[in-house]
Amino acid sequence: MDCRQLAIDLPGLSRKPIALDFEGGDLSSDAGLIPLALADQRMQLTQQMAAALHDPRDPRKIEHTLHDLLRERIYLIAQGYADQNDATSLRHDPVLKLSLGRTPSDAPLASQSTLSRLENQVTRADLVRLGQFFLDQFLTRCGEDPTWITLDFDPFADECHGAQQLCLFNGHYDAYCYLPLYLCGRIDGSRPYVIGALLRDGRAAPTEGAVSLLRRVVKALRQQFPTVQILVRGDGSFGVPEMIAACRALNVNFLFGKPQNARLHALSERVQLRAAVAYSVTKREEREFGEFRYAAESWKQEERVIVKAEVTCGKLNPRFVVTDLAAEDGWTPQAVYGCYCERGDAPENRIKELARDLSGDRLSCHDFLANQFRLLLSVAAYMLIQTLQDGLAGSEGESAQAGTLRLALLKVAARVIERSRVVRVHLPTSYPLKRLWRRLIAALVQPPVRRRSEAFAAG
């Protein structure tokens, strides 16, 4: 039986009988596809992604262009539809059709099988061009004259549940997984923007691929902004000789965590003792900072190491970071460690958005290159979300994370009525965030400007 013809009686919910069916016509639960499409137009994101990819299909037999396929897949990821199977039903969605430049009465969009072929036809050269394109997008966000850019590296585990290529067992995570490397950047203290993500096998060293990625990004930044200061941050797995040497060779500052060892404890003994003594007197949480010079056997020279000795509930918890940020430039131990702690927002919270809210952990293709492409599709969806966040600057939605933003502003019901001269999209009269929705649309339809700080000034 066709479920659309199945009427369901719901007694007891109202003083009148309620009959439920699936005969609503051209309705959609995803009116947020419209601001996503406007963000895409503003950035020219999917159009330029399509230009970066080689299409091996016979032009005479193409029903869905590469641009349309990318828009459909990325928009659905941004809306929370992780599986390609969702496209089987959603390709008939009237708002999704509108977001791709079609009308509700036009032919259906691409199905799951067509989207699957797209993901499995990419080549290594395609992925390299896409990586360069994403870097160019970040350079555009930098505006004309940034003074300080912070680059944050962080790996994350993506557990695999199939026979994916290079899905290997990692003892640290006790799982078969991939270990993607995530990179984001802050521009003059702005929110962190995604730059890219590199897929790696499950046993990759934490810094594998980081040096080559850092060189490419720094080279591009220096070519466009010769005087910009660059700081590279990472957790304890990045405080290793190859990363420190690469930063010095590239003339960029670095700030990395440093795992504890007996020598670091010995050099910081006085600072730890001060914190312990203070706690014994006050019985409250105490924190002391200090610094010293340190060089492991594999390091070429001594480096500045900052120690934070904290006592909480009677437990001493020292932490160490290694950096070349100079005290004479105002970088006190407290300031250095405070800067390091910003990693809690960038990139760690941003990884959660990419992986959980935007399907960055749904790498279920068999082919490794196809999974790298899937990861980049999630990066592209994240770029659209960050453009929406920029459009909400100065409002209560500015700091909303991707999942919250989707729930509040993107998952909105709409009735679509197609006439001969116009297509009307009716949103709920009782929608509580209509003012914020209007503000977002107004910001996205403004002509793009060059300077990042002015991009949504009138929004």
Protein backbone atom coordinates (compact mmCIF):
# COMPACT_ATOMS: atom_id res chain seq x y z
CA MET A 1 0.00 0.00 0.00
CA ASP A 2 1.17 3.51 -0.82
CA CYS A 3 1.94 5.15 2.55
CA ARG A 4 0.71 8.48 1.19
CA GLN A 5 -2.82 7.06 1.07
CA LEU A 6 -2.67 5.74 4.64
CA ALA A 7 -4.86 7.89 6.92
CA ILE A 8 -3.98 7.74 10.63
CA ASP A 9 -6.57 8.69 13.25
CA LEU A 10 -5.17 10.35 16.40
CA PRO A 11 -7.85 10.35 19.07
CA GLY A 12 -7.40 12.15 22.34
CA LEU A 13 -5.01 14.92 21.23
CA SER A 14 -7.67 17.51 20.52
CA ARG A 15 -11.33 18.14 21.15
CA LYS A 16 -11.76 17.42 17.45
CA PRO A 17 -10.68 14.24 15.67
CA ILE A 18 -7.27 14.40 14.00
CA ALA A 19 -6.58 12.62 10.71
CA LEU A 20 -2.93 12.38 9.62
CA ASP A 21 -1.81 11.53 6.09
CA PHE A 22 1.04 12.22 3.65
CA GLU A 23 -0.94 14.25 1.14
CA GLY A 24 0.48 17.68 1.98
CA GLY A 25 1.85 18.26 -1.51
CA ASP A 26 4.90 20.46 -2.12
CA LEU A 27 6.13 20.82 1.45
CA SER A 28 9.68 20.81 2.76
CA SER A 29 11.29 20.60 6.16
CA ASP A 30 14.46 22.24 4.81
CA ALA A 31 13.80 25.90 4.04
CA GLY A 32 17.36 26.51 5.25
CA LEU A 33 18.56 25.26 1.88
CA ILE A 34 17.78 28.76 0.60
CA PRO A 35 20.32 30.63 2.79
CA LEU A 36 22.82 27.83 2.09
CA ALA A 37 22.39 28.40 -1.64
CA LEU A 38 22.80 32.15 -1.13
CA ALA A 39 26.00 31.55 0.84
CA ASP A 40 27.23 29.34 -1.98
CA GLN A 41 26.49 32.04 -4.55
CA ARG A 42 28.32 34.59 -2.44
CA MET A 43 31.43 32.40 -2.21
CA GLN A 44 31.11 30.78 -5.65
CA LEU A 45 32.08 27.66 -3.72
CA THR A 46 30.54 24.76 -5.61
CA GLN A 47 30.99 26.46 -8.98
CA GLN A 48 34.74 26.73 -8.46
CA MET A 49 34.91 23.24 -6.99
CA ALA A 50 33.28 21.91 -10.15
CA ALA A 51 35.85 23.78 -12.25
CA ALA A 52 38.64 22.09 -10.26
CA LEU A 53 37.36 18.57 -10.97
CA HIS A 54 37.78 16.55 -14.14
CA ASP A 55 34.51 15.11 -15.44
CA PRO A 56 35.16 11.87 -17.37
CA ARG A 57 31.53 11.49 -18.48
CA ASP A 58 30.38 11.75 -22.08
CA PRO A 59 28.94 15.31 -22.42
CA ARG A 60 26.22 14.00 -24.72
CA LYS A 61 24.86 11.74 -21.98
CA ILE A 62 25.05 14.05 -18.98
CA GLU A 63 21.75 14.68 -17.24
CA HIS A 64 23.13 16.26 -14.06
CA THR A 65 26.09 18.62 -14.32
CA LEU A 66 29.08 18.34 -11.99
CA HIS A 67 28.06 21.65 -10.44
CA ASP A 68 24.56 20.35 -9.68
CA LEU A 69 25.89 17.12 -8.19
CA LEU A 70 28.24 19.02 -5.88
CA ARG A 71 25.51 21.43 -4.82
CA GLU A 72 23.05 18.64 -4.07
CA ARG A 73 25.54 16.57 -2.05
CA ILE A 74 27.09 19.47 -0.10
CA TYR A 75 23.76 21.15 0.67
CA LEU A 76 22.36 17.88 2.00
CA ILE A 77 25.43 17.35 4.19
CA ALA A 78 25.01 20.86 5.58
CA GLN A 79 21.35 20.06 6.31
CA GLY A 80 22.32 16.96 8.27
CA TYR A 81 21.73 14.25 5.67
CA ALA A 82 24.87 12.13 5.96
CA ASP A 83 23.83 9.25 3.70
CA GLN A 84 23.59 9.37 -0.05
CA ASN A 85 20.50 7.18 0.27
CA ASP A 86 18.64 10.24 1.57
CA ALA A 87 18.88 11.73 -1.92
CA THR A 88 16.53 9.02 -3.23
CA SER A 89 13.61 10.81 -1.57
CA LEU A 90 15.00 14.32 -1.23
CA ARG A 91 15.72 14.69 -4.94
CA HIS A 92 11.98 15.46 -5.22
CA ASP A 93 12.10 18.09 -2.45
CA PRO A 94 10.81 21.42 -3.87
CA VAL A 95 13.18 23.64 -1.85
CA LEU A 96 16.20 21.51 -2.75
CA LYS A 97 15.24 21.93 -6.40
CA LEU A 98 14.94 25.69 -5.92
CA SER A 99 18.37 25.84 -4.30
CA LEU A 100 19.81 24.23 -7.43
CA GLY A 101 18.13 26.76 -9.73
CA ARG A 102 15.20 24.56 -10.74
CA THR A 103 11.46 24.78 -10.14
CA PRO A 104 9.40 22.24 -8.17
CA SER A 105 7.82 20.92 -11.39
CA ASP A 106 11.20 20.19 -12.99
CA ALA A 107 12.59 16.67 -13.23
CA PRO A 108 13.98 15.08 -10.04
CA LEU A 109 17.57 15.71 -9.01
CA ALA A 110 20.35 13.13 -8.94
CA SER A 111 19.78 9.85 -7.12
CA GLN A 112 22.04 7.99 -4.71
CA SER A 113 23.72 5.98 -7.45
CA THR A 114 24.72 9.10 -9.42
CA LEU A 115 26.15 10.77 -6.31
CA SER A 116 28.03 7.59 -5.46
CA ARG A 117 29.65 7.52 -8.89
CA LEU A 118 30.71 11.14 -8.38
CA GLU A 119 32.57 10.29 -5.18
CA ASN A 120 34.32 7.29 -6.70
CA GLN A 121 35.52 8.97 -9.90
CA VAL A 122 37.85 11.55 -8.32
CA THR A 123 41.59 11.31 -8.92
CA ARG A 124 44.58 12.34 -6.86
CA ALA A 125 45.05 15.36 -9.14
CA ASP A 126 41.42 16.39 -8.48
CA LEU A 127 42.04 16.28 -4.74
CA VAL A 128 45.20 18.37 -5.02
CA ARG A 129 43.31 21.06 -6.96
CA LEU A 130 40.49 21.02 -4.42
CA GLY A 131 42.97 21.41 -1.57
CA GLN A 132 44.47 24.46 -3.30
CA PHE A 133 41.00 25.88 -3.88
CA PHE A 134 40.11 25.60 -0.18
CA LEU A 135 43.37 27.35 0.70
CA ASP A 136 42.45 30.14 -1.73
CA GLN A 137 39.08 30.45 0.03
CA PHE A 138 40.89 31.02 3.33
CA LEU A 139 43.16 33.62 1.71
CA THR A 140 40.04 35.45 0.53
CA ARG A 141 38.68 35.50 4.07
CA CYS A 142 41.94 37.10 5.23
CA GLY A 143 41.03 40.37 3.52
CA GLU A 144 43.71 42.79 2.36
CA ASP A 145 45.93 43.46 5.37
CA PRO A 146 45.87 40.86 8.17
CA THR A 147 48.54 41.37 10.82
CA TRP A 148 48.43 38.04 12.66
CA ILE A 149 47.30 34.58 11.55
CA THR A 150 47.23 31.55 13.81
CA LEU A 151 47.31 28.10 12.21
CA ASP A 152 46.01 25.23 14.35
CA PHE A 153 46.80 21.59 13.58
CA ASP A 154 45.00 18.69 15.22
CA PRO A 155 44.41 15.03 14.30
CA PHE A 156 41.22 13.18 15.13
CA ALA A 157 40.16 9.55 15.01
CA ASP A 158 37.44 8.39 12.64
CA GLU A 159 36.42 4.83 13.45
CA CYS A 160 35.76 2.58 10.46
CA HIS A 161 33.13 -0.13 10.29
CA GLY A 162 33.86 -1.84 7.00
CA ALA A 163 36.62 -2.77 4.58
CA GLN A 164 37.85 0.73 3.76
CA GLN A 165 41.32 1.00 2.25
CA LEU A 166 44.04 1.95 4.80
CA CYS A 167 41.64 1.58 7.70
CA LEU A 168 44.12 0.18 10.24
CA PHE A 169 44.02 -0.76 13.91
CA ASN A 170 45.29 1.94 16.25
CA GLY A 171 46.17 0.78 19.75
CA HIS A 172 45.83 4.25 21.26
CA TYR A 173 42.19 4.52 20.19
CA ASP A 174 41.62 0.74 20.42
CA ALA A 175 39.80 0.78 17.09
CA TYR A 176 40.15 0.39 13.35
CA CYS A 177 40.15 3.94 12.12
CA TYR A 178 41.43 6.74 9.96
CA LEU A 179 43.42 9.61 11.49
CA PRO A 180 42.52 12.77 9.50
CA LEU A 181 44.60 15.90 10.09
CA TYR A 182 42.53 19.06 10.51
CA LEU A 183 43.82 22.58 9.86
CA CYS A 184 42.08 25.86 10.67
CA GLY A 185 43.18 29.47 10.95
CA ARG A 186 42.37 32.56 13.00
CA ILE A 187 42.71 35.94 11.31
CA ASP A 188 43.51 38.79 13.71
CA GLY A 189 41.68 37.06 16.53
CA SER A 190 38.58 36.22 14.48
CA ARG A 191 36.63 32.99 14.74
CA PRO A 192 38.64 29.99 13.47
CA TYR A 193 38.01 29.20 9.79
CA VAL A 194 38.55 25.78 8.30
CA ILE A 195 41.41 25.55 5.78
CA GLY A 196 41.34 21.86 4.97
CA ALA A 197 41.57 18.28 6.18
CA LEU A 198 44.01 15.58 5.12
CA LEU A 199 42.90 11.94 5.34
CA ARG A 200 45.54 9.56 6.70
CA ASP A 201 45.68 5.85 7.49
CA GLY A 202 44.89 4.59 10.98
CA ARG A 203 48.51 4.26 12.06
CA ALA A 204 49.74 7.60 10.81
CA ALA A 205 52.06 9.51 13.11
CA PRO A 206 50.34 12.60 14.55
CA THR A 207 52.54 14.91 12.43
CA GLU A 208 52.43 12.88 9.21
CA GLY A 209 51.71 15.26 6.34
CA ALA A 210 51.78 18.29 8.66
CA VAL A 211 55.14 19.68 7.52
CA SER A 212 54.30 19.58 3.81
CA LEU A 213 50.86 21.07 4.49
CA LEU A 214 52.41 23.81 6.63
CA ARG A 215 54.92 24.68 3.92
CA ARG A 216 52.21 25.02 1.29
CA VAL A 217 49.99 27.19 3.48
CA VAL A 218 52.80 29.45 4.71
CA LYS A 219 54.12 29.91 1.16
CA ALA A 220 50.68 31.02 -0.03
CA LEU A 221 50.25 33.38 2.93
CA ARG A 222 53.68 34.94 2.44
CA GLN A 223 53.09 35.48 -1.27
CA GLN A 224 49.88 37.40 -0.63
CA PHE A 225 50.74 38.98 2.75
CA PRO A 226 54.54 39.37 3.02
CA THR A 227 54.50 41.09 6.43
CA VAL A 228 51.87 39.01 8.23
CA GLN A 229 52.96 37.28 11.44
CA ILE A 230 52.14 33.57 11.59
CA LEU A 231 51.81 31.41 14.69
CA VAL A 232 51.57 27.61 14.43
CA ARG A 233 49.90 25.73 17.30
CA GLY A 234 49.49 22.06 18.10
CA ASP A 235 49.13 19.68 21.02
CA GLY A 236 51.90 17.63 22.62
CA SER A 237 52.25 15.34 19.61
CA PHE A 238 53.47 18.32 17.53
CA GLY A 239 56.23 19.41 19.90
CA VAL A 240 58.77 17.30 18.00
CA PRO A 241 62.02 18.27 16.20
CA GLU A 242 60.64 18.11 12.64
CA MET A 243 57.80 20.54 13.39
CA ILE A 244 60.01 22.93 15.35
CA ALA A 245 62.67 22.84 12.61
CA ALA A 246 60.04 23.42 9.92
CA CYS A 247 58.67 26.46 11.77
CA ARG A 248 62.14 27.95 12.17
CA ALA A 249 62.96 27.33 8.51
CA LEU A 250 59.71 29.03 7.46
CA ASN A 251 60.28 31.94 9.88
CA VAL A 252 56.99 31.44 11.70
CA ASN A 253 56.33 31.34 15.43
CA PHE A 254 55.33 28.10 17.11
CA LEU A 255 53.50 27.04 20.26
CA PHE A 256 53.27 23.32 20.91
CA GLY A 257 52.35 21.18 23.87
CA LYS A 258 55.12 19.09 25.38
CA PRO A 259 54.52 15.66 27.02
CA GLN A 260 55.82 15.31 30.56
CA ASN A 261 59.13 13.63 31.31
CA ALA A 262 61.50 13.39 34.27
CA ARG A 263 63.79 16.17 33.02
CA LEU A 264 60.90 18.63 32.62
CA HIS A 265 59.71 17.82 36.12
CA ALA A 266 63.19 18.42 37.50
CA LEU A 267 63.56 21.78 35.74
CA SER A 268 60.13 22.93 36.96
CA GLU A 269 60.49 21.64 40.52
CA ARG A 270 60.47 25.10 42.12
CA VAL A 271 57.33 26.18 40.30
CA GLN A 272 55.53 23.00 41.26
CA LEU A 273 56.65 23.39 44.85
CA ARG A 274 55.31 26.97 44.99
CA ALA A 275 51.90 25.79 43.81
CA ALA A 276 51.86 22.92 46.33
CA VAL A 277 52.83 25.18 49.24
CA ALA A 278 50.21 27.77 48.28
CA TYR A 279 47.53 25.08 48.16
CA SER A 280 48.55 23.76 51.60
CA VAL A 281 47.86 27.24 52.99
CA THR A 282 44.72 28.28 51.13
CA LYS A 283 43.12 24.87 50.47
CA ARG A 284 41.89 26.38 47.21
CA GLU A 285 42.88 25.77 43.62
CA GLU A 286 46.32 27.29 43.02
CA ARG A 287 48.17 27.93 39.80
CA GLU A 288 51.79 28.98 39.26
CA PHE A 289 53.64 29.73 36.03
CA GLY A 290 57.32 29.59 35.21
CA GLU A 291 59.76 29.09 32.37
CA PHE A 292 63.15 27.61 31.61
CA ARG A 293 65.36 26.64 28.68
CA TYR A 294 65.30 23.03 27.58
CA ALA A 295 66.67 20.90 24.76
CA ALA A 296 65.95 17.23 24.20
CA GLU A 297 68.76 15.16 22.71
CA SER A 298 67.15 15.30 19.26
CA TRP A 299 66.67 19.10 19.32
CA LYS A 300 69.15 21.33 17.52
CA GLN A 301 69.04 24.07 20.17
CA GLU A 302 67.52 24.99 23.50
CA GLU A 303 63.95 26.24 23.38
CA ARG A 304 61.79 28.24 25.75
CA VAL A 305 59.49 25.99 27.78
CA ILE A 306 56.56 27.30 29.82
CA VAL A 307 55.25 25.34 32.81
CA LYS A 308 51.85 25.70 34.41
CA ALA A 309 51.71 23.99 37.82
CA GLU A 310 48.14 23.66 39.02
CA VAL A 311 46.89 22.04 42.22
CA THR A 312 43.23 21.02 42.28
CA CYS A 313 41.62 18.92 45.02
CA GLY A 314 45.07 18.18 46.39
CA LYS A 315 46.37 16.84 43.07
CA LEU A 316 49.32 18.47 41.33
CA ASN A 317 48.89 18.69 37.55
CA PRO A 318 51.84 20.29 35.72
CA ARG A 319 51.57 21.09 31.99
CA PHE A 320 54.31 22.15 29.57
CA VAL A 321 54.43 24.03 26.26
CA VAL A 322 57.41 24.83 24.03
CA THR A 323 57.51 28.08 22.07
CA ASP A 324 59.69 30.72 20.47
CA LEU A 325 57.35 33.57 21.49
CA ALA A 326 59.64 36.04 23.23
CA ALA A 327 59.16 37.54 26.69
CA GLU A 328 60.49 40.89 25.47
CA ASP A 329 57.52 41.06 23.08
CA GLY A 330 55.11 40.82 25.99
CA TRP A 331 54.70 37.06 25.95
CA THR A 332 54.78 36.32 29.66
CA PRO A 333 54.38 32.69 30.76
CA GLN A 334 50.71 33.38 31.58
CA ALA A 335 50.12 34.96 28.18
CA VAL A 336 51.81 32.08 26.35
CA TYR A 337 49.82 29.44 28.16
CA GLY A 338 46.60 31.41 27.73
CA CYS A 339 47.23 31.50 23.99
CA TYR A 340 47.83 27.75 23.99
CA CYS A 341 44.55 27.13 25.82
CA GLU A 342 42.65 28.80 22.98
CA ARG A 343 43.10 25.49 21.18
CA GLY A 344 40.09 24.33 23.20
CA ASP A 345 37.98 26.31 20.77
CA ALA A 346 40.20 26.09 17.72
CA PRO A 347 40.54 23.47 16.49
CA GLU A 348 39.10 21.02 19.02
CA ASN A 349 35.52 22.36 19.08
CA ARG A 350 35.67 22.95 15.33
CA ILE A 351 36.60 19.31 14.76
CA LYS A 352 33.47 18.32 16.67
CA GLU A 353 31.40 20.45 14.31
CA LEU A 354 33.05 19.01 11.22
CA ALA A 355 32.93 15.39 12.36
CA ARG A 356 29.60 15.21 14.17
CA ASP A 357 27.45 17.95 12.67
CA LEU A 358 28.75 17.81 9.11
CA SER A 359 29.43 14.10 8.56
CA GLY A 360 33.21 14.39 8.57
CA ASP A 361 33.30 11.01 10.29
CA ARG A 362 31.14 9.21 7.70
CA LEU A 363 33.96 7.92 5.49
CA SER A 364 32.39 4.65 4.42
CA CYS A 365 33.55 4.34 0.80
CA HIS A 366 35.89 1.45 0.08
CA ASP A 367 38.38 3.54 -1.89
CA PHE A 368 40.76 5.77 0.10
CA LEU A 369 40.64 8.62 -2.43
CA ALA A 370 36.84 8.55 -2.40
CA ASN A 371 36.92 8.92 1.37
CA GLN A 372 39.33 11.86 1.09
CA PHE A 373 36.83 13.43 -1.31
CA ARG A 374 34.01 12.79 1.15
CA LEU A 375 36.04 14.53 3.85
CA LEU A 376 36.51 17.54 1.57
CA LEU A 377 32.76 17.63 0.84
CA SER A 378 32.21 17.98 4.58
CA VAL A 379 34.84 20.74 4.65
CA ALA A 380 32.93 22.53 1.87
CA ALA A 381 29.66 22.19 3.82
CA TYR A 382 31.45 23.62 6.86
CA MET A 383 32.61 26.60 4.81
CA LEU A 384 29.00 27.34 3.92
CA ILE A 385 28.00 27.11 7.58
CA GLN A 386 30.81 29.49 8.56
CA THR A 387 29.59 31.97 5.95
CA LEU A 388 26.16 31.81 7.60
CA GLN A 389 27.82 32.45 10.97
CA ASP A 390 29.55 35.50 9.49
CA GLY A 391 26.19 36.70 8.22
CA LEU A 392 24.84 36.56 11.76
CA ALA A 393 27.67 38.71 13.17
CA GLY A 394 26.46 40.91 16.00
CA SER A 395 23.40 38.78 16.72
CA GLU A 396 22.64 35.96 19.13
CA GLY A 397 23.30 33.48 16.32
CA GLU A 398 26.90 34.59 15.74
CA SER A 399 28.42 32.10 18.19
CA ALA A 400 26.02 29.24 17.47
CA GLN A 401 27.70 26.01 16.49
CA ALA A 402 26.79 24.18 13.31
CA GLY A 403 24.31 21.78 14.91
CA THR A 404 22.56 24.54 16.83
CA LEU A 405 22.45 26.79 13.77
CA ARG A 406 20.93 24.01 11.69
CA LEU A 407 18.28 23.20 14.27
CA ALA A 408 17.31 26.85 14.79
CA LEU A 409 17.56 28.36 11.30
CA LEU A 410 17.92 25.65 8.66
CA LYS A 411 15.43 22.95 9.64
CA VAL A 412 12.40 25.14 8.96
CA ALA A 413 9.17 23.98 7.35
CA ALA A 414 8.04 25.55 4.08
CA ARG A 415 5.11 25.28 1.70
CA VAL A 416 6.08 25.81 -1.94
CA ILE A 417 3.51 27.02 -4.46
CA GLU A 418 4.55 27.27 -8.09
CA ARG A 419 2.65 29.69 -10.30
CA SER A 420 3.21 30.59 -13.92
CA ARG A 421 5.31 33.67 -13.06
CA VAL A 422 6.53 33.09 -9.51
CA VAL A 423 7.38 30.39 -7.00
CA ARG A 424 6.18 31.29 -3.51
CA VAL A 425 7.84 29.79 -0.43
CA HIS A 426 5.70 30.16 2.70
CA LEU A 427 7.40 29.73 6.06
CA PRO A 428 5.42 29.14 9.29
CA THR A 429 3.66 32.22 10.60
CA SER A 430 4.47 31.13 14.16
CA TYR A 431 8.21 30.64 13.47
CA PRO A 432 9.92 32.31 16.50
CA LEU A 433 13.19 33.23 14.76
CA LYS A 434 11.76 35.03 11.72
CA ARG A 435 13.61 38.25 12.60
CA LEU A 436 16.97 36.44 12.68
CA TRP A 437 16.10 34.63 9.45
CA ARG A 438 15.36 37.92 7.68
CA ARG A 439 18.62 39.36 8.97
CA LEU A 440 20.60 36.39 7.65
CA ILE A 441 19.00 36.58 4.20
CA ALA A 442 19.63 40.34 4.04
CA ALA A 443 23.30 39.83 4.88
CA LEU A 444 23.77 37.07 2.30
CA VAL A 445 22.24 38.99 -0.62
CA GLN A 446 24.54 41.98 -0.15
CA PRO A 447 27.24 42.34 -2.82
CA PRO A 448 30.47 40.70 -1.63
CA VAL A 449 33.28 43.05 -0.66
CA ARG A 450 36.98 42.47 -0.44
CA ARG A 451 37.73 43.28 3.17
CA ARG A 452 36.81 40.61 5.66
CA SER A 453 35.92 43.14 8.36
CA GLU A 454 33.41 44.86 6.07
CA ALA A 455 31.92 41.75 4.51
CA PHE A 456 28.74 41.81 6.58
CA ALA A 457 28.99 45.29 8.10
CA ALA A 458 25.46 46.25 7.12
CA GLY A 459 23.99 42.95 8.29
